[in-house]
């Protein structure tokens, strides 16, 4: 665990363009229970096998717990190994990591709690049923022109540990109680394991601390492929019927006639602040510049009905529990986006499709609507940015004066 960095460490990190890992360390500490949970799951698997049960005859609550514990374990492991590899490679900047490492570790850490939560629910409720889009995917990979050596080392190290536990889990499929009609599924599982192991082996054989930069993209590609295959494989080992039935489709919020009844700009009853985080609307409404910025957005919007339709879909998904307001590691609201109209930061709880965009559990997003560049010949912007959102002291109000010293959030 990293101690609080001193001045010299901060200066060294600044010189190398690294960012503070305080938030990552908080998630890292909070997720350590994952490893105890995985041990409990592996013991339970062995116990059920001794009782004569096979992966198909295990009840759905246990299957759900196994799957959720696996997902939490893979995500926590990847985050932990990325941090550890960077600290070991450069002790002079412990407590700071390259930007790509921070982004990737945070994307993984942010999904751990939701899977832990589901695992604990399944542990306590024999009738528990997972209501998720399965098999779930890993968070999107952070992009960088040049992946640091330590980052690659961390990815390769993660594949080693995850592989060990995947091979332990597959042993439960070597049971005489499995009926012959399930053998084709077992063959597919072994085939998937072989593919993941081959990719992991190739990445490891390519990897050396002094490997030429030209080889880095290949190491990264094979390590990513292995991790993605292990992530899916562990879910299938917990719930083998995932191989035997099509995945459930993401939820598409059902828009009621309320959307059609929402007044448009210029009509009686129109609420220009409907895109703004409810927690800060009153405060912004008292700010003349903020009021002018909100008015400018609606004046420049070429299709306000489309904007209101997307917001209605977000509101519906929030009411349905498919999304929620995002929280920080301490359970506090993460806040709102730093640009006008200052929309909330949301986290996806169940797979959902909004504005033809598929959002997966654990992803964070916001609704970014902007007319900031329209006056300079730019285009009106209306999109759903997905990413890991970090605190910032910036707040955009207008092109001429858009920064105020406050605590808000922007994407990384």
Protein backbone atom coordinates (compact mmCIF):
# COMPACT_ATOMS: atom_id res chain seq x y z
CA UNK A 1 0.00 0.00 0.00
CA UNK A 2 1.38 3.39 -0.97
CA UNK A 3 2.11 5.90 1.82
CA UNK A 4 1.41 9.63 1.41
CA UNK A 5 3.92 10.91 -1.18
CA UNK A 6 6.48 13.53 -0.11
CA UNK A 7 7.51 16.66 -2.00
CA UNK A 8 10.33 14.97 -3.91
CA UNK A 9 8.00 12.18 -5.04
CA UNK A 10 5.47 14.76 -6.24
CA UNK A 11 8.13 16.63 -8.18
CA UNK A 12 9.43 13.42 -9.77
CA UNK A 13 5.89 12.40 -10.74
CA UNK A 14 5.18 15.85 -12.18
CA UNK A 15 8.32 15.65 -14.29
CA UNK A 16 7.16 12.31 -15.71
CA UNK A 17 3.60 13.46 -16.35
CA UNK A 18 2.08 11.04 -13.83
CA UNK A 19 -1.15 11.60 -11.90
CA UNK A 20 -1.99 11.06 -8.24
CA UNK A 21 -3.31 7.61 -7.33
CA UNK A 22 -5.24 8.66 -4.18
CA UNK A 23 -8.63 7.67 -5.60
CA UNK A 24 -7.23 4.40 -6.94
CA UNK A 25 -5.81 3.57 -3.51
CA UNK A 26 -9.22 4.14 -1.93
CA UNK A 27 -10.83 1.69 -4.35
CA UNK A 28 -7.94 -0.70 -3.90
CA UNK A 29 -8.45 -0.81 -0.12
CA UNK A 30 -12.22 -1.12 -0.41
CA UNK A 31 -12.00 -4.08 -2.80
CA UNK A 32 -9.65 -6.32 -0.84
CA UNK A 33 -12.62 -8.34 0.45
CA UNK A 34 -12.93 -9.70 -3.09
CA UNK A 35 -10.16 -12.20 -2.47
CA UNK A 36 -11.81 -13.58 0.67
CA UNK A 37 -15.09 -13.90 -1.22
CA UNK A 38 -13.42 -15.78 -4.06
CA UNK A 39 -11.93 -18.24 -1.55
CA UNK A 40 -15.40 -18.81 -0.10
CA UNK A 41 -16.80 -19.40 -3.57
CA UNK A 42 -14.08 -21.89 -4.49
CA UNK A 43 -14.66 -23.77 -1.24
CA UNK A 44 -18.41 -23.79 -1.90
CA UNK A 45 -17.85 -25.11 -5.41
CA UNK A 46 -15.81 -28.01 -4.04
CA UNK A 47 -18.41 -28.69 -1.37
CA UNK A 48 -21.22 -28.89 -3.93
CA UNK A 49 -19.15 -31.16 -6.16
CA UNK A 50 -18.56 -33.54 -3.24
CA UNK A 51 -22.32 -33.55 -2.69
CA UNK A 52 -22.73 -34.86 -6.24
CA UNK A 53 -23.93 -31.66 -7.88
CA UNK A 54 -22.60 -30.40 -11.19
CA UNK A 55 -22.58 -26.84 -12.61
CA UNK A 56 -25.99 -27.39 -14.24
CA UNK A 57 -27.72 -28.75 -11.11
CA UNK A 58 -26.42 -26.03 -8.77
CA UNK A 59 -29.21 -23.61 -7.89
CA UNK A 60 -29.37 -20.24 -9.63
CA UNK A 61 -28.55 -18.26 -6.47
CA UNK A 62 -25.23 -20.09 -6.05
CA UNK A 63 -24.55 -19.72 -9.76
CA UNK A 64 -25.23 -16.01 -9.48
CA UNK A 65 -22.91 -15.66 -6.49
CA UNK A 66 -20.13 -17.54 -8.30
CA UNK A 67 -20.50 -15.35 -11.39
CA UNK A 68 -20.59 -12.04 -9.50
CA UNK A 69 -17.65 -13.01 -7.31
CA UNK A 70 -15.65 -13.92 -10.42
CA UNK A 71 -16.34 -10.60 -12.11
CA UNK A 72 -15.41 -8.66 -8.98
CA UNK A 73 -12.21 -10.72 -8.65
CA UNK A 74 -11.07 -10.15 -12.25
CA UNK A 75 -11.73 -6.41 -12.09
CA UNK A 76 -10.02 -6.00 -8.71
CA UNK A 77 -7.06 -8.12 -9.80
CA UNK A 78 -6.48 -6.11 -12.96
CA UNK A 79 -6.62 -2.82 -11.06
CA UNK A 80 -4.34 -4.10 -8.30
CA UNK A 81 -1.74 -5.57 -10.65
CA UNK A 82 -1.56 -2.39 -12.72
CA UNK A 83 -0.85 -0.34 -9.59
CA UNK A 84 1.62 -2.83 -8.13
CA UNK A 85 3.57 -3.18 -11.36
CA UNK A 86 3.97 0.59 -11.68
CA UNK A 87 5.05 1.02 -8.05
CA UNK A 88 7.61 -1.78 -8.36
CA UNK A 89 8.97 -0.46 -11.65
CA UNK A 90 9.44 3.09 -10.35
CA UNK A 91 9.64 3.36 -6.53
CA UNK A 92 10.57 7.04 -6.86
CA UNK A 93 6.95 7.91 -7.77
CA UNK A 94 4.93 5.54 -5.60
CA UNK A 95 1.51 7.11 -5.17
CA UNK A 96 1.50 8.37 -8.77
CA UNK A 97 0.90 6.46 -12.00
CA UNK A 98 0.83 7.20 -15.75
CA UNK A 99 -2.47 8.55 -17.01
CA UNK A 100 -3.33 5.41 -18.99
CA UNK A 101 -2.77 3.26 -15.89
CA UNK A 102 -4.97 5.55 -13.81
CA UNK A 103 -7.77 5.44 -16.37
CA UNK A 104 -7.69 1.66 -16.79
CA UNK A 105 -7.41 0.84 -13.10
CA UNK A 106 -10.20 3.25 -12.21
CA UNK A 107 -12.49 1.84 -14.92
CA UNK A 108 -12.03 -1.62 -13.36
CA UNK A 109 -12.27 -0.54 -9.73
CA UNK A 110 -15.51 1.36 -10.29
CA UNK A 111 -17.32 -1.84 -11.29
CA UNK A 112 -16.12 -3.98 -8.39
CA UNK A 113 -18.64 -2.85 -5.77
CA UNK A 114 -21.69 -3.53 -7.93
CA UNK A 115 -20.59 -7.14 -8.50
CA UNK A 116 -19.68 -7.58 -4.84
CA UNK A 117 -23.09 -6.26 -3.88
CA UNK A 118 -24.86 -8.76 -6.12
CA UNK A 119 -22.70 -11.61 -4.85
CA UNK A 120 -23.62 -10.80 -1.25
CA UNK A 121 -27.30 -10.60 -2.15
CA UNK A 122 -27.14 -14.01 -3.83
CA UNK A 123 -25.38 -15.42 -0.77
CA UNK A 124 -28.28 -14.39 1.49
CA UNK A 125 -31.26 -15.08 -0.77
CA UNK A 126 -31.76 -18.68 -2.04
CA UNK A 127 -34.26 -17.33 -4.60
CA UNK A 128 -31.92 -14.65 -5.93
CA UNK A 129 -31.90 -14.22 -9.71
CA UNK A 130 -29.42 -12.13 -11.66
CA UNK A 131 -31.07 -9.51 -13.85
CA UNK A 132 -28.08 -8.52 -15.96
CA UNK A 133 -26.87 -8.62 -19.53
CA UNK A 134 -24.63 -11.71 -19.48
CA UNK A 135 -21.90 -12.51 -20.03
CA UNK A 136 -20.77 -9.02 -19.02
CA UNK A 137 -17.83 -7.38 -20.78
CA UNK A 138 -14.75 -5.82 -19.27
CA UNK A 139 -14.71 -2.00 -19.14
CA UNK A 140 -13.51 -0.28 -22.29
CA UNK A 141 -9.73 -0.25 -22.61
CA UNK A 142 -7.95 3.06 -22.10
CA UNK A 143 -6.24 4.14 -25.31
CA UNK A 144 -2.64 5.36 -25.55
CA UNK A 145 -0.14 5.70 -28.36
CA UNK A 146 2.55 4.15 -26.17
CA UNK A 147 1.76 1.77 -23.32
CA UNK A 148 4.34 2.08 -20.49
CA UNK A 149 6.40 -1.02 -19.72
CA UNK A 150 4.97 -1.29 -16.20
CA UNK A 151 1.42 -1.12 -17.55
CA UNK A 152 2.10 -4.10 -19.80
CA UNK A 153 3.79 -5.91 -16.93
CA UNK A 154 0.67 -5.40 -14.82
CA UNK A 155 -1.61 -6.75 -17.53
CA UNK A 156 0.54 -9.84 -17.99
CA UNK A 157 0.72 -10.39 -14.22
CA UNK A 158 -3.07 -10.18 -14.01
CA UNK A 159 -3.48 -12.88 -16.67
CA UNK A 160 -1.28 -15.23 -14.60
CA UNK A 161 -3.37 -15.00 -11.45
CA UNK A 162 -6.73 -15.03 -13.23
CA UNK A 163 -5.67 -18.04 -15.28
CA UNK A 164 -4.85 -20.02 -12.13
CA UNK A 165 -8.34 -19.50 -10.73
CA UNK A 166 -10.04 -20.19 -14.08
CA UNK A 167 -8.27 -23.54 -14.31
CA UNK A 168 -9.30 -24.33 -10.72
CA UNK A 169 -12.94 -23.54 -11.54
CA UNK A 170 -12.96 -25.72 -14.64
CA UNK A 171 -12.13 -28.74 -12.48
CA UNK A 172 -15.75 -28.77 -11.30
CA UNK A 173 -16.73 -29.83 -14.81
CA UNK A 174 -14.74 -33.06 -14.46
CA UNK A 175 -17.51 -34.95 -12.72
CA UNK A 176 -19.16 -38.28 -13.45
CA UNK A 177 -22.55 -36.77 -12.65
CA UNK A 178 -22.54 -34.61 -15.78
CA UNK A 179 -24.91 -36.16 -18.35
CA UNK A 180 -23.61 -36.99 -21.84
CA UNK A 181 -25.80 -34.35 -23.50
CA UNK A 182 -23.75 -31.68 -21.69
CA UNK A 183 -20.43 -32.90 -23.06
CA UNK A 184 -20.52 -30.62 -26.14
CA UNK A 185 -20.74 -27.63 -23.80
CA UNK A 186 -17.79 -28.94 -21.79
CA UNK A 187 -15.79 -29.27 -25.02
CA UNK A 188 -16.59 -25.64 -25.86
CA UNK A 189 -15.47 -24.57 -22.39
CA UNK A 190 -12.15 -26.37 -22.76
CA UNK A 191 -11.75 -24.81 -26.20
CA UNK A 192 -12.29 -21.33 -24.72
CA UNK A 193 -9.78 -22.03 -21.97
CA UNK A 194 -7.23 -23.20 -24.53
CA UNK A 195 -7.72 -19.99 -26.55
CA UNK A 196 -7.30 -17.79 -23.47
CA UNK A 197 -4.23 -19.71 -22.30
CA UNK A 198 -2.65 -19.49 -25.74
CA UNK A 199 -3.11 -15.71 -25.82
CA UNK A 200 -1.79 -15.36 -22.27
CA UNK A 201 1.25 -17.52 -23.08
CA UNK A 202 2.03 -15.54 -26.21
CA UNK A 203 1.80 -12.20 -24.38
CA UNK A 204 4.08 -13.53 -21.63
CA UNK A 205 6.64 -14.89 -24.09
CA UNK A 206 6.73 -11.56 -25.94
CA UNK A 207 7.06 -9.57 -22.74
CA UNK A 208 10.46 -8.51 -21.39
CA UNK A 209 11.27 -5.27 -19.52
CA UNK A 210 13.58 -4.18 -22.36
CA UNK A 211 11.41 -5.37 -25.26
CA UNK A 212 11.45 -2.93 -28.23
CA UNK A 213 8.65 -0.37 -28.35
CA UNK A 214 7.49 -1.82 -31.66
CA UNK A 215 6.47 -5.03 -29.87
CA UNK A 216 4.35 -3.27 -27.22
CA UNK A 217 1.12 -3.16 -29.28
CA UNK A 218 1.25 -6.93 -29.82
CA UNK A 219 1.84 -7.66 -26.13
CA UNK A 220 -1.05 -5.36 -25.26
CA UNK A 221 -3.32 -6.97 -27.85
CA UNK A 222 -2.71 -10.54 -26.69
CA UNK A 223 -2.94 -9.65 -22.99
CA UNK A 224 -6.24 -7.84 -23.56
CA UNK A 225 -7.65 -10.76 -25.54
CA UNK A 226 -6.64 -13.22 -22.81
CA UNK A 227 -8.18 -11.10 -20.06
CA UNK A 228 -11.42 -10.69 -21.99
CA UNK A 229 -11.62 -14.42 -22.65
CA UNK A 230 -10.92 -15.30 -19.00
CA UNK A 231 -13.56 -12.80 -17.88
CA UNK A 232 -16.22 -14.40 -20.07
CA UNK A 233 -15.01 -17.92 -19.32
CA UNK A 234 -15.34 -17.45 -15.57
CA UNK A 235 -18.94 -16.33 -16.02
CA UNK A 236 -19.68 -19.36 -18.18
CA UNK A 237 -18.04 -21.69 -15.63
CA UNK A 238 -20.38 -20.25 -13.01
CA UNK A 239 -23.45 -20.36 -15.25
CA UNK A 240 -22.83 -22.80 -18.15
CA UNK A 241 -26.28 -22.24 -19.60
CA UNK A 242 -24.89 -18.95 -20.96
CA UNK A 243 -23.34 -21.04 -23.72
CA UNK A 244 -26.64 -22.74 -24.44
CA UNK A 245 -28.95 -19.76 -24.81
CA UNK A 246 -28.71 -16.35 -26.44
CA UNK A 247 -27.73 -13.45 -24.21
CA UNK A 248 -30.57 -11.29 -23.00
CA UNK A 249 -30.87 -7.97 -24.80
CA UNK A 250 -30.12 -4.71 -23.03
CA UNK A 251 -33.07 -2.83 -21.61
CA UNK A 252 -34.48 -0.12 -23.82
CA UNK A 253 -36.34 2.36 -21.64
CA UNK A 254 -40.03 2.42 -22.54
CA UNK A 255 -40.93 6.05 -23.18
CA UNK A 256 -44.48 6.89 -22.21
CA UNK A 257 -46.66 9.59 -23.64
CA UNK A 258 -45.12 11.94 -21.05
CA UNK A 259 -42.31 12.59 -23.50
CA UNK A 260 -44.74 13.91 -26.07
CA UNK A 261 -46.38 16.13 -23.47
CA UNK A 262 -43.17 17.89 -22.45
CA UNK A 263 -43.38 21.54 -23.51
CA UNK A 264 -40.79 22.70 -26.01
CA UNK A 265 -38.77 25.94 -25.71
CA UNK A 266 -41.12 28.90 -26.09
CA UNK A 267 -44.17 26.91 -24.97
CA UNK A 268 -45.94 27.40 -21.65
CA UNK A 269 -44.53 25.20 -18.90
CA UNK A 270 -41.15 24.56 -20.56
CA UNK A 271 -38.38 23.92 -17.99
CA UNK A 272 -35.01 25.09 -19.38
CA UNK A 273 -33.23 23.46 -16.40
CA UNK A 274 -34.52 19.93 -17.04
CA UNK A 275 -31.04 18.74 -18.16
CA UNK A 276 -29.28 20.08 -15.05
CA UNK A 277 -28.44 17.97 -12.00
CA UNK A 278 -31.37 18.47 -9.57
CA UNK A 279 -28.91 18.81 -6.68
CA UNK A 280 -27.49 22.08 -8.01
CA UNK A 281 -30.34 23.62 -10.03
CA UNK A 282 -31.34 26.17 -7.40
CA UNK A 283 -27.76 27.37 -7.01
CA UNK A 284 -27.19 27.78 -10.75
CA UNK A 285 -30.54 29.47 -11.27
CA UNK A 286 -29.28 32.31 -9.05
CA UNK A 287 -26.23 32.84 -11.28
CA UNK A 288 -26.93 35.32 -14.15
CA UNK A 289 -24.16 33.84 -16.32
CA UNK A 290 -25.51 30.34 -15.81
CA UNK A 291 -29.02 31.47 -16.75
CA UNK A 292 -27.65 33.09 -19.91
CA UNK A 293 -25.70 29.90 -20.77
CA UNK A 294 -28.79 27.71 -20.37
CA UNK A 295 -30.84 30.10 -22.52
CA UNK A 296 -28.11 30.06 -25.20
CA UNK A 297 -28.19 26.25 -25.36
CA UNK A 298 -31.92 26.09 -26.05
CA UNK A 299 -31.74 28.97 -28.50
CA UNK A 300 -29.00 27.20 -30.49
CA UNK A 301 -30.52 23.70 -30.31
CA UNK A 302 -31.62 22.79 -33.87
CA UNK A 303 -33.80 19.95 -32.58
CA UNK A 304 -34.90 20.55 -28.97
CA UNK A 305 -37.47 17.78 -29.19
CA UNK A 306 -34.63 15.32 -29.81
CA UNK A 307 -32.74 16.65 -26.78
CA UNK A 308 -35.83 16.28 -24.60
CA UNK A 309 -36.39 12.76 -25.95
CA UNK A 310 -32.91 11.67 -24.85
CA UNK A 311 -33.41 13.27 -21.44
CA UNK A 312 -36.76 11.48 -21.14
CA UNK A 313 -35.02 8.15 -21.85
CA UNK A 314 -32.45 8.93 -19.16
CA UNK A 315 -35.20 9.86 -16.69
CA UNK A 316 -37.08 6.65 -17.49
CA UNK A 317 -33.97 4.49 -17.05
CA UNK A 318 -33.33 6.23 -13.72
CA UNK A 319 -36.90 5.55 -12.56
CA UNK A 320 -36.62 1.91 -13.67
CA UNK A 321 -33.39 1.43 -11.71
CA UNK A 322 -31.37 0.65 -14.84
CA UNK A 323 -29.12 3.62 -13.99
CA UNK A 324 -28.42 5.58 -10.81
CA UNK A 325 -26.52 8.66 -9.73
CA UNK A 326 -22.83 7.72 -9.55
CA UNK A 327 -21.15 7.62 -6.15
CA UNK A 328 -17.54 8.06 -5.07
CA UNK A 329 -15.67 5.40 -2.98
CA UNK A 330 -17.14 6.90 0.20
CA UNK A 331 -20.75 6.64 -0.96
CA UNK A 332 -21.20 10.35 -1.74
CA UNK A 333 -22.80 11.60 -4.96
CA UNK A 334 -20.07 11.98 -7.57
CA UNK A 335 -21.66 15.21 -8.74
CA UNK A 336 -22.32 16.76 -12.12
CA UNK A 337 -20.49 17.39 -15.38
CA UNK A 338 -18.40 20.55 -15.50
CA UNK A 339 -19.97 21.94 -18.68
CA UNK A 340 -23.34 23.66 -19.10
CA UNK A 341 -26.05 22.32 -18.68
CA UNK A 342 -24.24 20.57 -15.79
CA UNK A 343 -25.94 17.18 -16.11
CA UNK A 344 -25.58 14.51 -13.39
CA UNK A 345 -22.96 11.77 -13.61
CA UNK A 346 -24.80 8.44 -13.84
CA UNK A 347 -23.68 4.84 -13.35
CA UNK A 348 -25.28 1.94 -15.22
CA UNK A 349 -26.82 -0.75 -12.98
CA UNK A 350 -28.33 -2.93 -15.71
CA UNK A 351 -27.53 -3.01 -19.41
CA UNK A 352 -29.54 -0.28 -21.09
CA UNK A 353 -29.80 1.37 -24.49
CA UNK A 354 -30.22 5.15 -24.60
CA UNK A 355 -30.17 7.12 -27.85
CA UNK A 356 -29.12 3.97 -29.74
CA UNK A 357 -26.06 3.71 -27.45
CA UNK A 358 -25.57 0.44 -25.55
CA UNK A 359 -24.44 1.03 -21.96
CA UNK A 360 -23.10 -1.78 -19.79
CA UNK A 361 -23.26 -2.28 -15.99
CA UNK A 362 -20.62 -0.27 -14.14
CA UNK A 363 -20.09 2.29 -16.89
CA UNK A 364 -20.41 5.96 -15.98
CA UNK A 365 -21.89 8.49 -18.36
CA UNK A 366 -23.46 11.92 -18.57
CA UNK A 367 -25.54 13.91 -21.05
CA UNK A 368 -23.32 16.51 -22.74
CA UNK A 369 -25.27 19.16 -24.61
CA UNK A 370 -23.28 22.14 -25.84
CA UNK A 371 -23.60 25.20 -28.03
CA UNK A 372 -20.20 26.58 -26.96
CA UNK A 373 -18.74 26.69 -30.49
CA UNK A 374 -21.86 27.44 -32.52
CA UNK A 375 -21.09 31.17 -32.58
CA UNK A 376 -17.65 30.42 -34.07
CA UNK A 377 -19.04 28.26 -36.86
CA UNK A 378 -19.00 24.99 -34.91
CA UNK A 379 -21.83 22.49 -34.58
CA UNK A 380 -24.31 21.86 -31.79
CA UNK A 381 -23.21 18.92 -29.62
CA UNK A 382 -25.53 16.32 -28.14
CA UNK A 383 -23.92 13.10 -26.89
CA UNK A 384 -23.55 10.61 -24.00
CA UNK A 385 -19.86 10.56 -22.99
CA UNK A 386 -18.84 7.32 -21.23
CA UNK A 387 -15.77 7.16 -19.00
CA UNK A 388 -14.37 7.44 -15.51
CA UNK A 389 -15.16 10.90 -14.18
CA UNK A 390 -12.68 12.73 -11.98
CA UNK A 391 -12.95 15.83 -9.76
CA UNK A 392 -12.07 19.15 -11.35
CA UNK A 393 -12.11 22.77 -10.24
CA UNK A 394 -13.28 23.91 -13.67
CA UNK A 395 -16.81 24.88 -14.55
CA UNK A 396 -17.73 25.95 -18.08
CA UNK A 397 -20.31 28.71 -18.34
CA UNK A 398 -19.56 30.67 -21.51
CA UNK A 399 -16.87 30.81 -24.21
CA UNK A 400 -15.57 34.13 -22.88
CA UNK A 401 -15.52 33.23 -19.19
CA UNK A 402 -15.91 29.56 -18.45
CA UNK A 403 -13.85 28.71 -15.36
CA UNK A 404 -14.80 29.15 -11.73
CA UNK A 405 -12.96 27.63 -8.77
CA UNK A 406 -15.32 24.95 -7.60
CA UNK A 407 -15.42 21.16 -7.21
CA UNK A 408 -17.15 19.45 -10.12
CA UNK A 409 -16.43 16.48 -12.37
CA UNK A 410 -15.24 15.88 -15.87
CA UNK A 411 -14.41 12.76 -17.84
CA UNK A 412 -10.89 11.42 -17.96
